[in-house]
Amino acid sequence: MAEDGGLKIVSLSHNMVAGKSHVALVWESDSSQSLGLEVPFGCSLEQLPAEAERAVRALSTELASIPVNLRP
């Protein structure tokens, strides 16, 4: 886990056929760790930091509520 620095946006892509946009992020402390999330379609570069943070926070909330059922 990143101890400092957080996440850095590295790309934004728009799939015109599917009508979807995705942001790619990497951990600043370890660029081998990455995360890709959907953001609102057509998201502008000006909107991107807020939309990326919103997507990360939503994922975090979702993951926190998922039961982890590990079986050996």
PDB file of N, CA and C in Angstrom:
ATOM      1  N   MET A   1       0.828  -1.177   0.000  1.00  0.00           N
ATOM      2  CA  MET A   1       0.000   0.000   0.000  1.00  0.00           C
ATOM      3  C   MET A   1       0.871   1.238   0.000  1.00  0.00           C
ATOM      4  N   ALA A   2       0.410   2.293  -0.662  1.00  0.00           N
ATOM      5  CA  ALA A   2       1.166   3.534  -0.717  1.00  0.00           C
ATOM      6  C   ALA A   2       1.164   4.211   0.647  1.00  0.00           C
ATOM      7  N   GLU A   3       2.350   4.562   1.119  1.00  0.00           N
ATOM      8  CA  GLU A   3       2.444   5.246   2.397  1.00  0.00           C
ATOM      9  C   GLU A   3       2.344   6.748   2.210  1.00  0.00           C
ATOM     10  N   ASP A   4       2.813   7.236   1.060  1.00  0.00           N
ATOM     11  CA  ASP A   4       2.673   8.651   0.751  1.00  0.00           C
ATOM     12  C   ASP A   4       2.611   8.822  -0.758  1.00  0.00           C
ATOM     13  N   GLY A   5       2.166   9.961  -1.184  1.00  0.00           N
ATOM     14  CA  GLY A   5       2.118  10.215  -2.609  1.00  0.00           C
ATOM     15  C   GLY A   5       0.781   9.902  -3.246  1.00  0.00           C
ATOM     16  N   GLY A   6       0.134   8.843  -2.850  1.00  0.00           N
ATOM     17  CA  GLY A   6      -1.176   8.528  -3.390  1.00  0.00           C
ATOM     18  C   GLY A   6      -1.166   7.983  -4.798  1.00  0.00           C
ATOM     19  N   LEU A   7      -2.190   8.338  -5.555  1.00  0.00           N
ATOM     20  CA  LEU A   7      -2.372   7.860  -6.914  1.00  0.00           C
ATOM     21  C   LEU A   7      -2.104   8.986  -7.908  1.00  0.00           C
ATOM     22  N   LYS A   8      -1.627   8.603  -9.086  1.00  0.00           N
ATOM     23  CA  LYS A   8      -1.352   9.563 -10.150  1.00  0.00           C
ATOM     24  C   LYS A   8      -2.121   9.144 -11.396  1.00  0.00           C
ATOM     25  N   ILE A   9      -2.805  10.083 -12.024  1.00  0.00           N
ATOM     26  CA  ILE A   9      -3.520   9.825 -13.272  1.00  0.00           C
ATOM     27  C   ILE A   9      -2.495   9.727 -14.392  1.00  0.00           C
ATOM     28  N   VAL A  10      -2.590   8.635 -15.174  1.00  0.00           N
ATOM     29  CA  VAL A  10      -1.654   8.470 -16.284  1.00  0.00           C
ATOM     30  C   VAL A  10      -2.335   8.491 -17.649  1.00  0.00           C
ATOM     31  N   SER A  11      -3.632   8.215 -17.710  1.00  0.00           N
ATOM     32  CA  SER A  11      -4.303   8.299 -19.008  1.00  0.00           C
ATOM     33  C   SER A  11      -5.814   8.392 -18.841  1.00  0.00           C
ATOM     34  N   LEU A  12      -6.421   8.900 -19.907  1.00  0.00           N
ATOM     35  CA  LEU A  12      -7.873   8.979 -20.025  1.00  0.00           C
ATOM     36  C   LEU A  12      -8.201   8.513 -21.428  1.00  0.00           C
ATOM     37  N   SER A  13      -9.127   7.581 -21.541  1.00  0.00           N
ATOM     38  CA  SER A  13      -9.517   7.110 -22.868  1.00  0.00           C
ATOM     39  C   SER A  13     -11.034   7.155 -23.009  1.00  0.00           C
ATOM     40  N   HIS A  14     -11.459   7.429 -24.245  1.00  0.00           N
ATOM     41  CA  HIS A  14     -12.880   7.487 -24.561  1.00  0.00           C
ATOM     42  C   HIS A  14     -13.165   6.449 -25.638  1.00  0.00           C
ATOM     43  N   ASN A  15     -14.089   5.537 -25.365  1.00  0.00           N
ATOM     44  CA  ASN A  15     -14.520   4.555 -26.352  1.00  0.00           C
ATOM     45  C   ASN A  15     -15.805   5.096 -26.968  1.00  0.00           C
ATOM     46  N   MET A  16     -15.677   5.634 -28.165  1.00  0.00           N
ATOM     47  CA  MET A  16     -16.804   6.291 -28.807  1.00  0.00           C
ATOM     48  C   MET A  16     -17.926   5.305 -29.158  1.00  0.00           C
ATOM     49  N   VAL A  17     -17.565   4.083 -29.522  1.00  0.00           N
ATOM     50  CA  VAL A  17     -18.567   3.083 -29.891  1.00  0.00           C
ATOM     51  C   VAL A  17     -19.379   2.659 -28.674  1.00  0.00           C
ATOM     52  N   ALA A  18     -18.686   2.379 -27.574  1.00  0.00           N
ATOM     53  CA  ALA A  18     -19.364   1.922 -26.357  1.00  0.00           C
ATOM     54  C   ALA A  18     -19.927   3.074 -25.536  1.00  0.00           C
ATOM     55  N   GLY A  19     -19.467   4.285 -25.802  1.00  0.00           N
ATOM     56  CA  GLY A  19     -19.933   5.426 -25.024  1.00  0.00           C
ATOM     57  C   GLY A  19     -19.441   5.392 -23.592  1.00  0.00           C
ATOM     58  N   LYS A  20     -18.182   4.995 -23.430  1.00  0.00           N
ATOM     59  CA  LYS A  20     -17.609   4.896 -22.090  1.00  0.00           C
ATOM     60  C   LYS A  20     -16.236   5.560 -22.059  1.00  0.00           C
ATOM     61  N   SER A  21     -15.882   6.087 -20.895  1.00  0.00           N
ATOM     62  CA  SER A  21     -14.561   6.672 -20.684  1.00  0.00           C
ATOM     63  C   SER A  21     -13.917   5.998 -19.481  1.00  0.00           C
ATOM     64  N   HIS A  22     -12.592   5.833 -19.544  1.00  0.00           N
ATOM     65  CA  HIS A  22     -11.852   5.182 -18.461  1.00  0.00           C
ATOM     66  C   HIS A  22     -10.615   5.983 -18.115  1.00  0.00           C
ATOM     67  N   VAL A  23     -10.306   6.019 -16.834  1.00  0.00           N
ATOM     68  CA  VAL A  23      -9.095   6.656 -16.352  1.00  0.00           C
ATOM     69  C   VAL A  23      -8.162   5.567 -15.839  1.00  0.00           C
ATOM     70  N   ALA A  24      -6.874   5.732 -16.104  1.00  0.00           N
ATOM     71  CA  ALA A  24      -5.862   4.812 -15.576  1.00  0.00           C
ATOM     72  C   ALA A  24      -5.047   5.570 -14.538  1.00  0.00           C
ATOM     73  N   LEU A  25      -4.826   4.910 -13.403  1.00  0.00           N
ATOM     74  CA  LEU A  25      -4.067   5.498 -12.309  1.00  0.00           C
ATOM     75  C   LEU A  25      -2.952   4.550 -11.909  1.00  0.00           C
ATOM     76  N   VAL A  26      -1.860   5.096 -11.374  1.00  0.00           N
ATOM     77  CA  VAL A  26      -0.786   4.285 -10.807  1.00  0.00           C
ATOM     78  C   VAL A  26      -0.443   4.837  -9.432  1.00  0.00           C
ATOM     79  N   TRP A  27       0.076   3.964  -8.599  1.00  0.00           N
ATOM     80  CA  TRP A  27       0.547   4.378  -7.289  1.00  0.00           C
ATOM     81  C   TRP A  27       1.836   5.171  -7.496  1.00  0.00           C
ATOM     82  N   GLU A  28       1.942   6.329  -6.859  1.00  0.00           N
ATOM     83  CA  GLU A  28       3.152   7.133  -7.002  1.00  0.00           C
ATOM     84  C   GLU A  28       4.349   6.446  -6.374  1.00  0.00           C
ATOM     85  N   SER A  29       4.134   5.661  -5.339  1.00  0.00           N
ATOM     86  CA  SER A  29       5.235   4.985  -4.658  1.00  0.00           C
ATOM     87  C   SER A  29       5.652   3.685  -5.333  1.00  0.00           C
ATOM     88  N   ASP A  30       4.820   3.168  -6.261  1.00  0.00           N
ATOM     89  CA  ASP A  30       5.131   1.913  -6.942  1.00  0.00           C
ATOM     90  C   ASP A  30       4.334   1.857  -8.243  1.00  0.00           C
ATOM     91  N   SER A  31       4.956   2.311  -9.318  1.00  0.00           N
ATOM     92  CA  SER A  31       4.229   2.423 -10.584  1.00  0.00           C
ATOM     93  C   SER A  31       3.854   1.078 -11.198  1.00  0.00           C
ATOM     94  N   SER A  32       4.294  -0.034 -10.587  1.00  0.00           N
ATOM     95  CA  SER A  32       3.856  -1.340 -11.082  1.00  0.00           C
ATOM     96  C   SER A  32       2.434  -1.660 -10.608  1.00  0.00           C
ATOM     97  N   GLN A  33       1.934  -0.893  -9.651  1.00  0.00           N
ATOM     98  CA  GLN A  33       0.556  -1.070  -9.175  1.00  0.00           C
ATOM     99  C   GLN A  33      -0.327  -0.077  -9.914  1.00  0.00           C
ATOM    100  N   SER A  34      -1.353  -0.597 -10.578  1.00  0.00           N
ATOM    101  CA  SER A  34      -2.215   0.286 -11.365  1.00  0.00           C
ATOM    102  C   SER A  34      -3.683  -0.042 -11.136  1.00  0.00           C
ATOM    103  N   LEU A  35      -4.516   0.897 -11.558  1.00  0.00           N
ATOM    104  CA  LEU A  35      -5.954   0.775 -11.371  1.00  0.00           C
ATOM    105  C   LEU A  35      -6.635   1.469 -12.547  1.00  0.00           C
ATOM    106  N   GLY A  36      -7.628   0.844 -13.121  1.00  0.00           N
ATOM    107  CA  GLY A  36      -8.412   1.440 -14.193  1.00  0.00           C
ATOM    108  C   GLY A  36      -9.867   1.507 -13.790  1.00  0.00           C
ATOM    109  N   LEU A  37     -10.483   2.670 -13.945  1.00  0.00           N
ATOM    110  CA  LEU A  37     -11.869   2.860 -13.523  1.00  0.00           C
ATOM    111  C   LEU A  37     -12.648   3.647 -14.566  1.00  0.00           C
ATOM    112  N   GLU A  38     -13.952   3.384 -14.615  1.00  0.00           N
ATOM    113  CA  GLU A  38     -14.825   4.126 -15.514  1.00  0.00           C
ATOM    114  C   GLU A  38     -15.139   5.492 -14.910  1.00  0.00           C
ATOM    115  N   VAL A  39     -15.139   6.503 -15.760  1.00  0.00           N
ATOM    116  CA  VAL A  39     -15.548   7.855 -15.390  1.00  0.00           C
ATOM    117  C   VAL A  39     -16.652   8.262 -16.366  1.00  0.00           C
ATOM    118  N   PRO A  40     -17.368   9.348 -16.100  1.00  0.00           N
ATOM    119  CA  PRO A  40     -18.446   9.740 -17.005  1.00  0.00           C
ATOM    120  C   PRO A  40     -17.942   9.919 -18.443  1.00  0.00           C
ATOM    121  N   PHE A  41     -18.738   9.444 -19.387  1.00  0.00           N
ATOM    122  CA  PHE A  41     -18.356   9.502 -20.795  1.00  0.00           C
ATOM    123  C   PHE A  41     -18.083  10.940 -21.228  1.00  0.00           C
ATOM    124  N   GLY A  42     -16.971  11.113 -21.936  1.00  0.00           N
ATOM    125  CA  GLY A  42     -16.597  12.425 -22.440  1.00  0.00           C
ATOM    126  C   GLY A  42     -15.976  13.323 -21.401  1.00  0.00           C
ATOM    127  N   CYS A  43     -15.603  12.767 -20.271  1.00  0.00           N
ATOM    128  CA  CYS A  43     -14.996  13.533 -19.185  1.00  0.00           C
ATOM    129  C   CYS A  43     -13.841  14.379 -19.729  1.00  0.00           C
ATOM    130  N   SER A  44     -13.812  15.651 -19.380  1.00  0.00           N
ATOM    131  CA  SER A  44     -12.750  16.538 -19.857  1.00  0.00           C
ATOM    132  C   SER A  44     -11.542  16.452 -18.924  1.00  0.00           C
ATOM    133  N   LEU A  45     -10.415  16.957 -19.390  1.00  0.00           N
ATOM    134  CA  LEU A  45      -9.217  16.970 -18.550  1.00  0.00           C
ATOM    135  C   LEU A  45      -9.407  17.835 -17.314  1.00  0.00           C
ATOM    136  N   GLU A  46     -10.213  18.865 -17.436  1.00  0.00           N
ATOM    137  CA  GLU A  46     -10.485  19.728 -16.282  1.00  0.00           C
ATOM    138  C   GLU A  46     -11.318  19.003 -15.232  1.00  0.00           C
ATOM    139  N   GLN A  47     -12.239  18.169 -15.679  1.00  0.00           N
ATOM    140  CA  GLN A  47     -13.114  17.420 -14.760  1.00  0.00           C
ATOM    141  C   GLN A  47     -12.424  16.180 -14.200  1.00  0.00           C
ATOM    142  N   LEU A  48     -11.384  15.717 -14.868  1.00  0.00           N
ATOM    143  CA  LEU A  48     -10.804  14.408 -14.577  1.00  0.00           C
ATOM    144  C   LEU A  48     -10.355  14.205 -13.135  1.00  0.00           C
ATOM    145  N   PRO A  49      -9.616  15.123 -12.508  1.00  0.00           N
ATOM    146  CA  PRO A  49      -9.196  14.848 -11.122  1.00  0.00           C
ATOM    147  C   PRO A  49     -10.366  14.570 -10.182  1.00  0.00           C
ATOM    148  N   ALA A  50     -11.414  15.363 -10.268  1.00  0.00           N
ATOM    149  CA  ALA A  50     -12.575  15.156  -9.387  1.00  0.00           C
ATOM    150  C   ALA A  50     -13.300  13.866  -9.723  1.00  0.00           C
ATOM    151  N   GLU A  51     -13.461  13.577 -11.012  1.00  0.00           N
ATOM    152  CA  GLU A  51     -14.155  12.347 -11.413  1.00  0.00           C
ATOM    153  C   GLU A  51     -13.340  11.108 -11.057  1.00  0.00           C
ATOM    154  N   ALA A  52     -12.025  11.185 -11.194  1.00  0.00           N
ATOM    155  CA  ALA A  52     -11.165  10.054 -10.822  1.00  0.00           C
ATOM    156  C   ALA A  52     -11.255   9.802  -9.322  1.00  0.00           C
ATOM    157  N   GLU A  53     -11.208  10.868  -8.534  1.00  0.00           N
ATOM    158  CA  GLU A  53     -11.317  10.690  -7.088  1.00  0.00           C
ATOM    159  C   GLU A  53     -12.679  10.114  -6.720  1.00  0.00           C
ATOM    160  N   ARG A  54     -13.727  10.578  -7.359  1.00  0.00           N
ATOM    161  CA  ARG A  54     -15.077  10.060  -7.093  1.00  0.00           C
ATOM    162  C   ARG A  54     -15.134   8.558  -7.399  1.00  0.00           C
ATOM    163  N   ALA A  55     -14.521   8.145  -8.510  1.00  0.00           N
ATOM    164  CA  ALA A  55     -14.523   6.729  -8.894  1.00  0.00           C
ATOM    165  C   ALA A  55     -13.726   5.889  -7.902  1.00  0.00           C
ATOM    166  N   VAL A  56     -12.577   6.405  -7.451  1.00  0.00           N
ATOM    167  CA  VAL A  56     -11.757   5.674  -6.474  1.00  0.00           C
ATOM    168  C   VAL A  56     -12.517   5.530  -5.157  1.00  0.00           C
ATOM    169  N   ARG A  57     -13.136   6.603  -4.699  1.00  0.00           N
ATOM    170  CA  ARG A  57     -13.889   6.556  -3.432  1.00  0.00           C
ATOM    171  C   ARG A  57     -15.076   5.592  -3.536  1.00  0.00           C
ATOM    172  N   ALA A  58     -15.761   5.585  -4.675  1.00  0.00           N
ATOM    173  CA  ALA A  58     -16.889   4.666  -4.861  1.00  0.00           C
ATOM    174  C   ALA A  58     -16.411   3.219  -4.831  1.00  0.00           C
ATOM    175  N   LEU A  59     -15.289   2.944  -5.481  1.00  0.00           N
ATOM    176  CA  LEU A  59     -14.734   1.590  -5.458  1.00  0.00           C
ATOM    177  C   LEU A  59     -14.353   1.197  -4.043  1.00  0.00           C
ATOM    178  N   SER A  60     -13.731   2.103  -3.313  1.00  0.00           N
ATOM    179  CA  SER A  60     -13.338   1.826  -1.935  1.00  0.00           C
ATOM    180  C   SER A  60     -14.548   1.485  -1.069  1.00  0.00           C
ATOM    181  N   THR A  61     -15.615   2.237  -1.228  1.00  0.00           N
ATOM    182  CA  THR A  61     -16.847   1.973  -0.473  1.00  0.00           C
ATOM    183  C   THR A  61     -17.424   0.612  -0.838  1.00  0.00           C
ATOM    184  N   GLU A  62     -17.449   0.323  -2.136  1.00  0.00           N
ATOM    185  CA  GLU A  62     -17.977  -0.970  -2.590  1.00  0.00           C
ATOM    186  C   GLU A  62     -17.146  -2.122  -2.042  1.00  0.00           C
ATOM    187  N   LEU A  63     -15.837  -2.003  -2.119  1.00  0.00           N
ATOM    188  CA  LEU A  63     -14.962  -3.072  -1.625  1.00  0.00           C
ATOM    189  C   LEU A  63     -15.096  -3.270  -0.119  1.00  0.00           C
ATOM    190  N   ALA A  64     -15.276  -2.180   0.602  1.00  0.00           N
ATOM    191  CA  ALA A  64     -15.409  -2.270   2.060  1.00  0.00           C
ATOM    192  C   ALA A  64     -16.664  -3.025   2.475  1.00  0.00           C
ATOM    193  N   SER A  65     -17.675  -3.045   1.612  1.00  0.00           N
ATOM    194  CA  SER A  65     -18.934  -3.698   1.979  1.00  0.00           C
ATOM    195  C   SER A  65     -19.062  -5.126   1.442  1.00  0.00           C
ATOM    196  N   ILE A  66     -18.079  -5.577   0.663  1.00  0.00           N
ATOM    197  CA  ILE A  66     -18.156  -6.916   0.087  1.00  0.00           C
ATOM    198  C   ILE A  66     -17.635  -7.952   1.085  1.00  0.00           C
ATOM    199  N   PRO A  67     -18.421  -9.017   1.349  1.00  0.00           N
ATOM    200  CA  PRO A  67     -17.923 -10.072   2.225  1.00  0.00           C
ATOM    201  C   PRO A  67     -16.773 -10.826   1.530  1.00  0.00           C
ATOM    202  N   VAL A  68     -15.771 -11.145   2.293  1.00  0.00           N
ATOM    203  CA  VAL A  68     -14.647 -11.919   1.757  1.00  0.00           C
ATOM    204  C   VAL A  68     -14.794 -13.330   2.256  1.00  0.00           C
ATOM    205  N   ASN A  69     -15.101 -14.256   1.330  1.00  0.00           N
ATOM    206  CA  ASN A  69     -15.293 -15.650   1.670  1.00  0.00           C
ATOM    207  C   ASN A  69     -14.113 -16.447   1.105  1.00  0.00           C
ATOM    208  N   LEU A  70     -13.152 -16.683   1.929  1.00  0.00           N
ATOM    209  CA  LEU A  70     -11.965 -17.410   1.503  1.00  0.00           C
ATOM    210  C   LEU A  70     -12.097 -18.886   1.871  1.00  0.00           C
ATOM    211  N   ARG A  71     -11.836 -19.725   0.908  1.00  0.00           N
ATOM    212  CA  ARG A  71     -11.888 -21.159   1.155  1.00  0.00           C
ATOM    213  C   ARG A  71     -10.525 -21.745   0.802  1.00  0.00           C
ATOM    214  N   PRO A  72     -10.013 -22.597   1.695  1.00  0.00           N
ATOM    215  CA  PRO A  72      -8.697 -23.193   1.416  1.00  0.00           C
ATOM    216  C   PRO A  72      -8.722 -24.139   0.221  1.00  0.00           C
TER     217      PRO A  72
END
